[in-house]
Amino acid sequence: MKIDWKKQWAIDSHFLVYFLDKKSPFYGKTIEFFRKMDEKKTHLVVAQQNVVEAEKVLISLYKQNKKSVISAIEDILEGFNIKIICPFPSSLNTYHDFFLKAKRRDVFDIYLVAVLNDNGISNLFSLNIKDFEGLERKIKVIKPF
């Protein structure tokens, strides 16, 4: 699938986790992914809830220090000029509309698509394409590696 590098692309939360997990088999590919996005001047965004999810994983599962995690994620966002997007008041209604029509029942992935949609973003990088099956009309999901 051809990628339009000039459009805004959202990133899924696991990219933040893998960037900070040197033991992950995805660490090197994630570093290279961010370098490539920077080189191509791709406009990356991340939903606020994905930042919270990445922090939860790093603090709860990886047992990392809260201040260190917050600082490291802020450094990634600032270093790669990744804009944080937030839900709108309408995002709950958008989510309900998508949820009622979706065959999948993962509420968090459906809510992410609703927030992206309300922010005018129709492209998402994720390593978990199956999480977004049934939402293809709302979002284009690419697995970058």
N, C-alpha and C. Protein backbone atom coordinates (compact mmCIF):
# COMPACT_ATOMS: atom_id res chain seq x y z
N MET A 1 0.85 -1.18 0.00
CA MET A 1 0.00 0.00 0.00
C MET A 1 0.89 1.25 0.00
N LYS A 2 0.55 2.19 -0.84
CA LYS A 2 1.34 3.42 -0.94
C LYS A 2 1.02 4.35 0.23
N ILE A 3 2.07 4.94 0.77
CA ILE A 3 1.91 5.83 1.91
C ILE A 3 2.12 7.27 1.46
N ASP A 4 1.16 8.12 1.77
CA ASP A 4 1.30 9.55 1.51
C ASP A 4 1.94 10.16 2.75
N TRP A 5 3.25 10.40 2.66
CA TRP A 5 4.03 10.86 3.81
C TRP A 5 3.66 12.27 4.25
N LYS A 6 3.02 13.04 3.39
CA LYS A 6 2.70 14.44 3.72
C LYS A 6 1.42 14.58 4.53
N LYS A 7 0.64 13.53 4.61
CA LYS A 7 -0.59 13.58 5.42
C LYS A 7 -0.26 13.40 6.89
N GLN A 8 -1.22 13.72 7.74
CA GLN A 8 -1.05 13.47 9.17
C GLN A 8 -1.28 11.99 9.44
N TRP A 9 -0.39 11.43 10.23
CA TRP A 9 -0.50 10.03 10.62
C TRP A 9 -0.48 9.92 12.13
N ALA A 10 -1.43 9.16 12.66
CA ALA A 10 -1.43 8.88 14.09
C ALA A 10 -0.57 7.65 14.34
N ILE A 11 -0.01 7.58 15.54
CA ILE A 11 0.74 6.40 15.93
C ILE A 11 0.02 5.73 17.10
N ASP A 12 0.07 4.42 17.11
CA ASP A 12 -0.53 3.66 18.19
C ASP A 12 0.41 3.69 19.40
N SER A 13 -0.11 3.40 20.56
CA SER A 13 0.65 3.55 21.81
C SER A 13 1.88 2.66 21.89
N HIS A 14 1.84 1.50 21.24
CA HIS A 14 2.97 0.59 21.37
C HIS A 14 4.27 1.15 20.80
N PHE A 15 4.19 2.12 19.88
CA PHE A 15 5.42 2.72 19.36
C PHE A 15 6.16 3.47 20.46
N LEU A 16 5.44 4.11 21.35
CA LEU A 16 6.08 4.80 22.48
C LEU A 16 6.72 3.79 23.43
N VAL A 17 6.03 2.68 23.66
CA VAL A 17 6.55 1.66 24.56
C VAL A 17 7.81 1.02 23.97
N TYR A 18 7.74 0.62 22.70
CA TYR A 18 8.89 -0.05 22.07
C TYR A 18 10.09 0.88 21.94
N PHE A 19 9.84 2.16 21.75
CA PHE A 19 10.94 3.13 21.66
C PHE A 19 11.75 3.15 22.95
N LEU A 20 11.08 2.89 24.06
CA LEU A 20 11.72 2.97 25.38
C LEU A 20 12.11 1.60 25.95
N ASP A 21 11.82 0.54 25.22
CA ASP A 21 12.13 -0.81 25.70
C ASP A 21 13.24 -1.43 24.85
N LYS A 22 14.48 -1.24 25.29
CA LYS A 22 15.64 -1.72 24.54
C LYS A 22 15.68 -3.25 24.42
N LYS A 23 14.93 -3.95 25.25
CA LYS A 23 14.89 -5.41 25.20
C LYS A 23 13.84 -5.93 24.21
N SER A 24 12.98 -5.07 23.74
CA SER A 24 11.93 -5.48 22.82
C SER A 24 12.52 -5.86 21.46
N PRO A 25 11.97 -6.91 20.84
CA PRO A 25 12.42 -7.25 19.49
C PRO A 25 12.05 -6.15 18.48
N PHE A 26 11.17 -5.25 18.87
CA PHE A 26 10.74 -4.16 17.99
C PHE A 26 11.50 -2.86 18.25
N TYR A 27 12.40 -2.85 19.21
CA TYR A 27 13.12 -1.62 19.57
C TYR A 27 13.84 -1.00 18.38
N GLY A 28 14.70 -1.74 17.72
CA GLY A 28 15.48 -1.21 16.60
C GLY A 28 14.60 -0.73 15.46
N LYS A 29 13.57 -1.51 15.14
CA LYS A 29 12.66 -1.13 14.06
C LYS A 29 11.87 0.12 14.43
N THR A 30 11.54 0.26 15.70
CA THR A 30 10.81 1.45 16.15
C THR A 30 11.68 2.69 16.05
N ILE A 31 12.94 2.58 16.46
CA ILE A 31 13.87 3.71 16.34
C ILE A 31 14.00 4.10 14.88
N GLU A 32 14.17 3.12 14.01
CA GLU A 32 14.31 3.38 12.57
C GLU A 32 13.02 4.00 12.01
N PHE A 33 11.87 3.52 12.47
CA PHE A 33 10.58 4.07 12.05
C PHE A 33 10.51 5.56 12.35
N PHE A 34 10.85 5.95 13.58
CA PHE A 34 10.79 7.36 13.95
C PHE A 34 11.80 8.19 13.15
N ARG A 35 12.97 7.64 12.90
CA ARG A 35 13.96 8.36 12.08
C ARG A 35 13.44 8.58 10.66
N LYS A 36 12.81 7.54 10.12
CA LYS A 36 12.26 7.64 8.77
C LYS A 36 11.15 8.69 8.72
N MET A 37 10.28 8.69 9.71
CA MET A 37 9.20 9.68 9.75
C MET A 37 9.78 11.09 9.83
N ASP A 38 10.83 11.25 10.62
CA ASP A 38 11.48 12.55 10.76
C ASP A 38 12.12 12.97 9.44
N GLU A 39 12.79 12.03 8.79
CA GLU A 39 13.45 12.30 7.51
C GLU A 39 12.45 12.71 6.44
N LYS A 40 11.31 12.04 6.41
CA LYS A 40 10.28 12.33 5.40
C LYS A 40 9.38 13.49 5.81
N LYS A 41 9.63 14.04 6.99
CA LYS A 41 8.86 15.16 7.52
C LYS A 41 7.37 14.82 7.62
N THR A 42 7.11 13.59 8.00
CA THR A 42 5.73 13.13 8.18
C THR A 42 5.17 13.77 9.45
N HIS A 43 3.95 14.26 9.36
CA HIS A 43 3.28 14.91 10.49
C HIS A 43 2.66 13.83 11.37
N LEU A 44 3.34 13.50 12.45
CA LEU A 44 2.83 12.48 13.37
C LEU A 44 2.01 13.10 14.48
N VAL A 45 0.96 12.39 14.86
CA VAL A 45 0.13 12.77 16.00
C VAL A 45 -0.07 11.54 16.85
N VAL A 46 -0.41 11.76 18.10
CA VAL A 46 -0.77 10.67 18.99
C VAL A 46 -1.96 11.14 19.82
N ALA A 47 -2.92 10.25 19.99
CA ALA A 47 -4.08 10.59 20.82
C ALA A 47 -3.67 10.60 22.28
N GLN A 48 -4.24 11.53 23.01
CA GLN A 48 -3.92 11.67 24.43
C GLN A 48 -4.09 10.35 25.18
N GLN A 49 -5.14 9.61 24.85
CA GLN A 49 -5.37 8.34 25.55
C GLN A 49 -4.28 7.32 25.25
N ASN A 50 -3.61 7.43 24.10
CA ASN A 50 -2.51 6.52 23.79
C ASN A 50 -1.27 6.85 24.60
N VAL A 51 -1.07 8.12 24.90
CA VAL A 51 0.03 8.51 25.78
C VAL A 51 -0.22 7.92 27.17
N VAL A 52 -1.45 8.04 27.65
CA VAL A 52 -1.81 7.50 28.97
C VAL A 52 -1.63 5.98 28.98
N GLU A 53 -2.04 5.32 27.91
CA GLU A 53 -1.89 3.87 27.82
C GLU A 53 -0.41 3.46 27.85
N ALA A 54 0.42 4.16 27.10
CA ALA A 54 1.86 3.85 27.09
C ALA A 54 2.46 4.06 28.48
N GLU A 55 2.07 5.14 29.14
CA GLU A 55 2.56 5.39 30.50
C GLU A 55 2.14 4.26 31.44
N LYS A 56 0.89 3.83 31.33
CA LYS A 56 0.39 2.75 32.18
C LYS A 56 1.21 1.49 31.98
N VAL A 57 1.47 1.13 30.73
CA VAL A 57 2.23 -0.08 30.43
C VAL A 57 3.64 0.02 31.01
N LEU A 58 4.30 1.14 30.77
CA LEU A 58 5.68 1.30 31.23
C LEU A 58 5.79 1.35 32.75
N ILE A 59 4.81 1.93 33.41
CA ILE A 59 4.85 2.04 34.87
C ILE A 59 4.34 0.76 35.54
N SER A 60 3.19 0.26 35.09
CA SER A 60 2.58 -0.91 35.74
C SER A 60 3.25 -2.23 35.36
N LEU A 61 3.48 -2.44 34.08
CA LEU A 61 4.02 -3.72 33.63
C LEU A 61 5.54 -3.76 33.63
N TYR A 62 6.16 -2.65 33.23
CA TYR A 62 7.62 -2.60 33.15
C TYR A 62 8.24 -2.11 34.46
N LYS A 63 7.39 -1.68 35.38
CA LYS A 63 7.84 -1.21 36.71
C LYS A 63 8.85 -0.08 36.64
N GLN A 64 8.64 0.83 35.69
CA GLN A 64 9.54 1.98 35.56
C GLN A 64 9.04 3.13 36.42
N ASN A 65 9.94 4.02 36.76
CA ASN A 65 9.67 5.19 37.58
C ASN A 65 8.73 6.16 36.85
N LYS A 66 7.72 6.66 37.56
CA LYS A 66 6.74 7.56 36.95
C LYS A 66 7.38 8.78 36.30
N LYS A 67 8.24 9.46 37.05
CA LYS A 67 8.87 10.68 36.52
C LYS A 67 9.72 10.39 35.30
N SER A 68 10.43 9.28 35.32
CA SER A 68 11.28 8.90 34.18
C SER A 68 10.44 8.61 32.94
N VAL A 69 9.33 7.91 33.14
CA VAL A 69 8.44 7.57 32.02
C VAL A 69 7.85 8.84 31.42
N ILE A 70 7.33 9.71 32.27
CA ILE A 70 6.73 10.96 31.78
C ILE A 70 7.76 11.77 31.01
N SER A 71 8.94 11.90 31.56
CA SER A 71 10.01 12.67 30.92
C SER A 71 10.43 12.04 29.59
N ALA A 72 10.57 10.72 29.57
CA ALA A 72 11.00 10.04 28.34
C ALA A 72 9.96 10.18 27.23
N ILE A 73 8.69 10.04 27.57
CA ILE A 73 7.64 10.19 26.56
C ILE A 73 7.57 11.64 26.08
N GLU A 74 7.68 12.58 26.99
CA GLU A 74 7.71 13.99 26.58
C GLU A 74 8.88 14.26 25.64
N ASP A 75 10.03 13.64 25.90
CA ASP A 75 11.20 13.81 25.04
C ASP A 75 10.95 13.26 23.63
N ILE A 76 10.28 12.10 23.55
CA ILE A 76 9.95 11.52 22.24
C ILE A 76 9.02 12.46 21.49
N LEU A 77 7.96 12.90 22.16
CA LEU A 77 6.97 13.76 21.51
C LEU A 77 7.61 15.06 21.03
N GLU A 78 8.43 15.66 21.88
CA GLU A 78 9.08 16.91 21.51
C GLU A 78 10.16 16.68 20.45
N GLY A 79 10.94 15.63 20.62
CA GLY A 79 12.05 15.37 19.71
C GLY A 79 11.62 15.07 18.29
N PHE A 80 10.48 14.44 18.13
CA PHE A 80 9.97 14.11 16.81
C PHE A 80 8.78 14.98 16.42
N ASN A 81 8.55 16.04 17.18
CA ASN A 81 7.49 17.00 16.88
C ASN A 81 6.13 16.30 16.70
N ILE A 82 5.82 15.42 17.63
CA ILE A 82 4.56 14.68 17.58
C ILE A 82 3.51 15.46 18.36
N LYS A 83 2.45 15.80 17.66
CA LYS A 83 1.36 16.58 18.25
C LYS A 83 0.40 15.65 18.99
N ILE A 84 -0.03 16.08 20.16
CA ILE A 84 -1.03 15.32 20.91
C ILE A 84 -2.41 15.83 20.52
N ILE A 85 -3.29 14.90 20.17
CA ILE A 85 -4.68 15.27 19.87
C ILE A 85 -5.57 14.77 21.00
N CYS A 86 -6.68 15.46 21.19
CA CYS A 86 -7.59 15.17 22.29
C CYS A 86 -9.00 14.95 21.76
N PRO A 87 -9.82 14.27 22.53
CA PRO A 87 -11.22 14.11 22.14
C PRO A 87 -11.94 15.45 22.15
N PHE A 88 -12.96 15.52 21.33
CA PHE A 88 -13.88 16.65 21.34
C PHE A 88 -15.13 16.22 22.10
N PRO A 89 -15.97 17.16 22.51
CA PRO A 89 -17.24 16.76 23.13
C PRO A 89 -18.04 15.80 22.23
N SER A 90 -17.90 15.96 20.91
CA SER A 90 -18.62 15.11 19.96
C SER A 90 -18.03 13.71 19.84
N SER A 91 -16.82 13.50 20.37
CA SER A 91 -16.15 12.20 20.20
C SER A 91 -16.92 11.05 20.83
N LEU A 92 -17.62 11.30 21.92
CA LEU A 92 -18.42 10.24 22.54
C LEU A 92 -19.55 9.81 21.61
N ASN A 93 -20.21 10.77 20.97
CA ASN A 93 -21.27 10.44 20.01
C ASN A 93 -20.70 9.70 18.80
N THR A 94 -19.54 10.15 18.32
CA THR A 94 -18.90 9.48 17.19
C THR A 94 -18.56 8.04 17.58
N TYR A 95 -18.01 7.88 18.77
CA TYR A 95 -17.69 6.54 19.27
C TYR A 95 -18.94 5.66 19.32
N HIS A 96 -20.03 6.18 19.88
CA HIS A 96 -21.26 5.39 19.97
C HIS A 96 -21.75 4.98 18.59
N ASP A 97 -21.68 5.88 17.63
CA ASP A 97 -22.07 5.58 16.25
C ASP A 97 -21.22 4.44 15.69
N PHE A 98 -19.90 4.54 15.85
CA PHE A 98 -18.99 3.51 15.35
C PHE A 98 -19.19 2.19 16.10
N PHE A 99 -19.36 2.28 17.41
CA PHE A 99 -19.51 1.09 18.25
C PHE A 99 -20.75 0.29 17.87
N LEU A 100 -21.85 0.98 17.63
CA LEU A 100 -23.10 0.29 17.28
C LEU A 100 -23.00 -0.41 15.93
N LYS A 101 -22.16 0.12 15.03
CA LYS A 101 -22.02 -0.45 13.68
C LYS A 101 -20.88 -1.45 13.57
N ALA A 102 -19.95 -1.42 14.50
CA ALA A 102 -18.75 -2.26 14.40
C ALA A 102 -19.03 -3.69 14.83
N LYS A 103 -18.41 -4.62 14.15
CA LYS A 103 -18.50 -6.03 14.54
C LYS A 103 -17.54 -6.31 15.69
N ARG A 104 -16.43 -5.62 15.69
CA ARG A 104 -15.46 -5.78 16.77
C ARG A 104 -15.99 -5.08 18.02
N ARG A 105 -15.58 -5.57 19.14
CA ARG A 105 -16.10 -5.01 20.38
C ARG A 105 -15.01 -4.41 21.27
N ASP A 106 -13.83 -4.17 20.73
CA ASP A 106 -12.78 -3.55 21.54
C ASP A 106 -13.07 -2.05 21.62
N VAL A 107 -13.63 -1.66 22.72
CA VAL A 107 -14.11 -0.28 22.87
C VAL A 107 -12.98 0.74 22.76
N PHE A 108 -11.79 0.40 23.23
CA PHE A 108 -10.69 1.38 23.21
C PHE A 108 -10.19 1.66 21.80
N ASP A 109 -10.13 0.62 20.97
CA ASP A 109 -9.72 0.83 19.58
C ASP A 109 -10.79 1.60 18.80
N ILE A 110 -12.04 1.29 19.06
CA ILE A 110 -13.13 2.02 18.40
C ILE A 110 -13.13 3.48 18.85
N TYR A 111 -12.90 3.71 20.13
CA TYR A 111 -12.84 5.08 20.63
C TYR A 111 -11.66 5.83 20.02
N LEU A 112 -10.52 5.17 19.87
CA LEU A 112 -9.37 5.81 19.22
C LEU A 112 -9.74 6.25 17.81
N VAL A 113 -10.39 5.40 17.06
CA VAL A 113 -10.79 5.76 15.70
C VAL A 113 -11.76 6.93 15.72
N ALA A 114 -12.66 6.97 16.69
CA ALA A 114 -13.60 8.10 16.82
C ALA A 114 -12.85 9.40 17.08
N VAL A 115 -11.88 9.37 17.98
CA VAL A 115 -11.10 10.58 18.29
C VAL A 115 -10.29 11.02 17.08
N LEU A 116 -9.67 10.06 16.40
CA LEU A 116 -8.92 10.41 15.18
C LEU A 116 -9.85 11.02 14.15
N ASN A 117 -11.00 10.39 13.96
CA ASN A 117 -11.97 10.88 12.99
C ASN A 117 -12.41 12.30 13.30
N ASP A 118 -12.72 12.57 14.56
CA ASP A 118 -13.16 13.91 14.96
C ASP A 118 -12.06 14.95 14.79
N ASN A 119 -10.80 14.51 14.81
CA ASN A 119 -9.67 15.41 14.61
C ASN A 119 -9.24 15.48 13.14
N GLY A 120 -10.02 14.87 12.26
CA GLY A 120 -9.72 14.93 10.83
C GLY A 120 -8.55 14.06 10.40
N ILE A 121 -8.24 13.05 11.17
CA ILE A 121 -7.11 12.17 10.86
C ILE A 121 -7.65 10.82 10.41
N SER A 122 -7.22 10.41 9.24
CA SER A 122 -7.74 9.16 8.68
C SER A 122 -6.65 8.12 8.44
N ASN A 123 -5.47 8.33 9.01
CA ASN A 123 -4.34 7.42 8.82
C ASN A 123 -3.73 7.05 10.16
N LEU A 124 -3.43 5.77 10.33
CA LEU A 124 -2.87 5.28 11.59
C LEU A 124 -1.78 4.25 11.32
N PHE A 125 -0.64 4.44 11.98
CA PHE A 125 0.39 3.41 12.00
C PHE A 125 0.15 2.55 13.23
N SER A 126 0.06 1.23 13.02
CA SER A 126 -0.13 0.30 14.12
C SER A 126 0.49 -1.04 13.73
N LEU A 127 0.98 -1.76 14.71
CA LEU A 127 1.47 -3.11 14.46
C LEU A 127 0.35 -4.12 14.63
N ASN A 128 -0.81 -3.66 15.07
CA ASN A 128 -1.96 -4.54 15.33
C ASN A 128 -3.11 -4.19 14.40
N ILE A 129 -2.94 -4.48 13.13
CA ILE A 129 -3.95 -4.13 12.13
C ILE A 129 -5.29 -4.80 12.43
N LYS A 130 -5.25 -6.02 12.93
CA LYS A 130 -6.49 -6.76 13.21
C LYS A 130 -7.37 -6.03 14.22
N ASP A 131 -6.76 -5.22 15.08
CA ASP A 131 -7.54 -4.48 16.08
C ASP A 131 -8.53 -3.51 15.44
N PHE A 132 -8.29 -3.18 14.17
CA PHE A 132 -9.10 -2.16 13.52
C PHE A 132 -9.94 -2.72 12.37
N GLU A 133 -10.03 -4.05 12.29
CA GLU A 133 -10.88 -4.67 11.27
C GLU A 133 -12.32 -4.23 11.46
N GLY A 134 -12.98 -3.97 10.35
CA GLY A 134 -14.36 -3.51 10.40
C GLY A 134 -14.48 -2.00 10.48
N LEU A 135 -13.35 -1.32 10.63
CA LEU A 135 -13.35 0.15 10.71
C LEU A 135 -12.62 0.77 9.52
N GLU A 136 -12.39 -0.05 8.47
CA GLU A 136 -11.61 0.40 7.32
C GLU A 136 -12.19 1.62 6.61
N ARG A 137 -13.49 1.79 6.70
CA ARG A 137 -14.11 2.97 6.06
C ARG A 137 -13.81 4.25 6.83
N LYS A 138 -13.41 4.10 8.07
CA LYS A 138 -13.15 5.25 8.93
C LYS A 138 -11.66 5.57 9.06
N ILE A 139 -10.81 4.56 8.88
CA ILE A 139 -9.38 4.75 9.13
C ILE A 139 -8.56 3.83 8.22
N LYS A 140 -7.46 4.36 7.73
CA LYS A 140 -6.50 3.56 6.95
C LYS A 140 -5.38 3.19 7.92
N VAL A 141 -5.19 1.89 8.13
CA VAL A 141 -4.18 1.42 9.09
C VAL A 141 -3.05 0.75 8.33
N ILE A 142 -1.83 1.18 8.62
CA ILE A 142 -0.63 0.63 7.99
C ILE A 142 0.26 0.03 9.07
N LYS A 143 0.76 -1.16 8.79
CA LYS A 143 1.76 -1.80 9.66
C LYS A 143 3.12 -1.48 9.04
N PRO A 144 3.90 -0.59 9.66
CA PRO A 144 5.12 -0.10 9.02
C PRO A 144 6.28 -1.09 9.02
N PHE A 145 6.21 -2.11 9.86
CA PHE A 145 7.26 -3.15 9.86
C PHE A 145 6.71 -4.42 10.47
